[in-house]
């Protein structure tokens, strides 16, 4: 089973050098994926995020999580080879 399918987030996560210095954003807006992930990590509920950012949609939050999962699957950890 594939954890994150590119097709599910491809249309919602955008990068543009002219917007937020090319950082991944939601649908070309100045809302970064990292902001959405930080809100989720701080235990904000989807409804709270949507209330605070009414131009976001629930699918944007889901797409951000799927994008993060895709990156985690496809990139080598910076902690590889580091012993505790």
C-alpha atoms as a PDB file:
ATOM      1  CA  UNK A   1       0.000   0.000   0.000  1.00  0.00           C
ATOM      2  CA  UNK A   2       1.363   3.403  -0.963  1.00  0.00           C
ATOM      3  CA  UNK A   3       1.085   5.940   1.854  1.00  0.00           C
ATOM      4  CA  UNK A   4       0.928   9.083  -0.252  1.00  0.00           C
ATOM      5  CA  UNK A   5      -0.227   9.210  -3.841  1.00  0.00           C
ATOM      6  CA  UNK A   6       1.086  12.243  -5.738  1.00  0.00           C
ATOM      7  CA  UNK A   7      -2.231  12.589  -7.549  1.00  0.00           C
ATOM      8  CA  UNK A   8      -4.012  13.430  -4.297  1.00  0.00           C
ATOM      9  CA  UNK A   9      -1.882  16.507  -3.516  1.00  0.00           C
ATOM     10  CA  UNK A  10      -0.444  17.445  -6.896  1.00  0.00           C
ATOM     11  CA  UNK A  11      -3.076  20.078  -7.747  1.00  0.00           C
ATOM     12  CA  UNK A  12      -3.148  21.665  -4.295  1.00  0.00           C
ATOM     13  CA  UNK A  13       0.549  21.968  -3.437  1.00  0.00           C
ATOM     14  CA  UNK A  14       2.378  24.480  -5.610  1.00  0.00           C
ATOM     15  CA  UNK A  15       5.820  26.025  -5.781  1.00  0.00           C
ATOM     16  CA  UNK A  16       6.612  29.341  -7.415  1.00  0.00           C
ATOM     17  CA  UNK A  17       9.862  31.271  -6.940  1.00  0.00           C
ATOM     18  CA  UNK A  18       7.770  34.481  -6.751  1.00  0.00           C
ATOM     19  CA  UNK A  19       5.592  33.205  -3.888  1.00  0.00           C
ATOM     20  CA  UNK A  20       7.139  32.609  -0.456  1.00  0.00           C
ATOM     21  CA  UNK A  21      10.594  32.179  -2.043  1.00  0.00           C
ATOM     22  CA  UNK A  22       9.512  28.980  -3.769  1.00  0.00           C
ATOM     23  CA  UNK A  23       8.488  27.140  -0.609  1.00  0.00           C
ATOM     24  CA  UNK A  24       5.622  24.656  -1.114  1.00  0.00           C
ATOM     25  CA  UNK A  25       2.319  26.519  -0.740  1.00  0.00           C
ATOM     26  CA  UNK A  26      -1.374  25.793  -0.855  1.00  0.00           C
ATOM     27  CA  UNK A  27      -2.893  26.473  -4.296  1.00  0.00           C
ATOM     28  CA  UNK A  28      -0.554  29.376  -5.057  1.00  0.00           C
ATOM     29  CA  UNK A  29      -1.554  31.280  -1.937  1.00  0.00           C
ATOM     30  CA  UNK A  30       0.908  32.624   0.605  1.00  0.00           C
ATOM     31  CA  UNK A  31       0.027  29.810   2.975  1.00  0.00           C
ATOM     32  CA  UNK A  32       2.917  27.365   3.205  1.00  0.00           C
ATOM     33  CA  UNK A  33       2.629  23.649   3.697  1.00  0.00           C
ATOM     34  CA  UNK A  34       4.936  24.040   6.689  1.00  0.00           C
ATOM     35  CA  UNK A  35       2.451  26.437   8.330  1.00  0.00           C
ATOM     36  CA  UNK A  36      -0.393  23.968   7.856  1.00  0.00           C
ATOM     37  CA  UNK A  37       1.748  21.139   9.232  1.00  0.00           C
ATOM     38  CA  UNK A  38       2.707  23.269  12.242  1.00  0.00           C
ATOM     39  CA  UNK A  39      -0.946  23.971  12.967  1.00  0.00           C
ATOM     40  CA  UNK A  40      -1.790  20.269  12.770  1.00  0.00           C
ATOM     41  CA  UNK A  41       1.230  19.410  14.939  1.00  0.00           C
ATOM     42  CA  UNK A  42       0.034  21.915  17.542  1.00  0.00           C
ATOM     43  CA  UNK A  43      -3.159  19.844  17.718  1.00  0.00           C
ATOM     44  CA  UNK A  44      -5.447  22.366  16.049  1.00  0.00           C
ATOM     45  CA  UNK A  45      -8.542  20.657  14.724  1.00  0.00           C
ATOM     46  CA  UNK A  46      -9.369  20.925  11.035  1.00  0.00           C
ATOM     47  CA  UNK A  47     -12.408  23.037  11.904  1.00  0.00           C
ATOM     48  CA  UNK A  48     -10.226  25.448  13.908  1.00  0.00           C
ATOM     49  CA  UNK A  49      -7.726  25.784  11.068  1.00  0.00           C
ATOM     50  CA  UNK A  50     -10.520  26.431   8.573  1.00  0.00           C
ATOM     51  CA  UNK A  51     -12.023  29.048  10.882  1.00  0.00           C
ATOM     52  CA  UNK A  52      -8.663  30.810  11.270  1.00  0.00           C
ATOM     53  CA  UNK A  53      -7.894  30.546   7.535  1.00  0.00           C
ATOM     54  CA  UNK A  54     -11.293  30.615   5.771  1.00  0.00           C
ATOM     55  CA  UNK A  55      -9.734  30.512   2.304  1.00  0.00           C
ATOM     56  CA  UNK A  56      -8.341  27.038   3.049  1.00  0.00           C
ATOM     57  CA  UNK A  57     -10.336  23.884   2.437  1.00  0.00           C
ATOM     58  CA  UNK A  58     -10.241  20.618   4.355  1.00  0.00           C
ATOM     59  CA  UNK A  59      -8.648  18.999   1.295  1.00  0.00           C
ATOM     60  CA  UNK A  60      -5.748  21.479   1.552  1.00  0.00           C
ATOM     61  CA  UNK A  61      -4.948  20.200   5.035  1.00  0.00           C
ATOM     62  CA  UNK A  62      -5.165  16.596   3.872  1.00  0.00           C
ATOM     63  CA  UNK A  63      -2.975  17.398   0.860  1.00  0.00           C
ATOM     64  CA  UNK A  64      -0.347  18.980   3.141  1.00  0.00           C
ATOM     65  CA  UNK A  65      -0.178  15.826   5.245  1.00  0.00           C
ATOM     66  CA  UNK A  66       0.026  13.634   2.155  1.00  0.00           C
ATOM     67  CA  UNK A  67       2.769  15.824   0.692  1.00  0.00           C
ATOM     68  CA  UNK A  68       4.773  15.538   3.925  1.00  0.00           C
ATOM     69  CA  UNK A  69       4.311  11.754   3.885  1.00  0.00           C
ATOM     70  CA  UNK A  70       5.464  11.649   0.256  1.00  0.00           C
ATOM     71  CA  UNK A  71       8.607  13.629   1.105  1.00  0.00           C
ATOM     72  CA  UNK A  72       9.329  11.436   4.122  1.00  0.00           C
ATOM     73  CA  UNK A  73       9.067   8.364   1.901  1.00  0.00           C
ATOM     74  CA  UNK A  74      11.178   9.707  -0.923  1.00  0.00           C
ATOM     75  CA  UNK A  75      14.035  11.470   0.853  1.00  0.00           C
ATOM     76  CA  UNK A  76      16.867  10.155   2.954  1.00  0.00           C
ATOM     77  CA  UNK A  77      16.722  11.218   6.572  1.00  0.00           C
ATOM     78  CA  UNK A  78      19.336  13.782   7.661  1.00  0.00           C
ATOM     79  CA  UNK A  79      19.721  11.606  10.769  1.00  0.00           C
ATOM     80  CA  UNK A  80      20.829   8.509   8.836  1.00  0.00           C
ATOM     81  CA  UNK A  81      24.044   7.199  10.260  1.00  0.00           C
ATOM     82  CA  UNK A  82      23.826   9.303  13.417  1.00  0.00           C
ATOM     83  CA  UNK A  83      24.064   7.198  16.538  1.00  0.00           C
ATOM     84  CA  UNK A  84      22.234   8.141  19.703  1.00  0.00           C
END
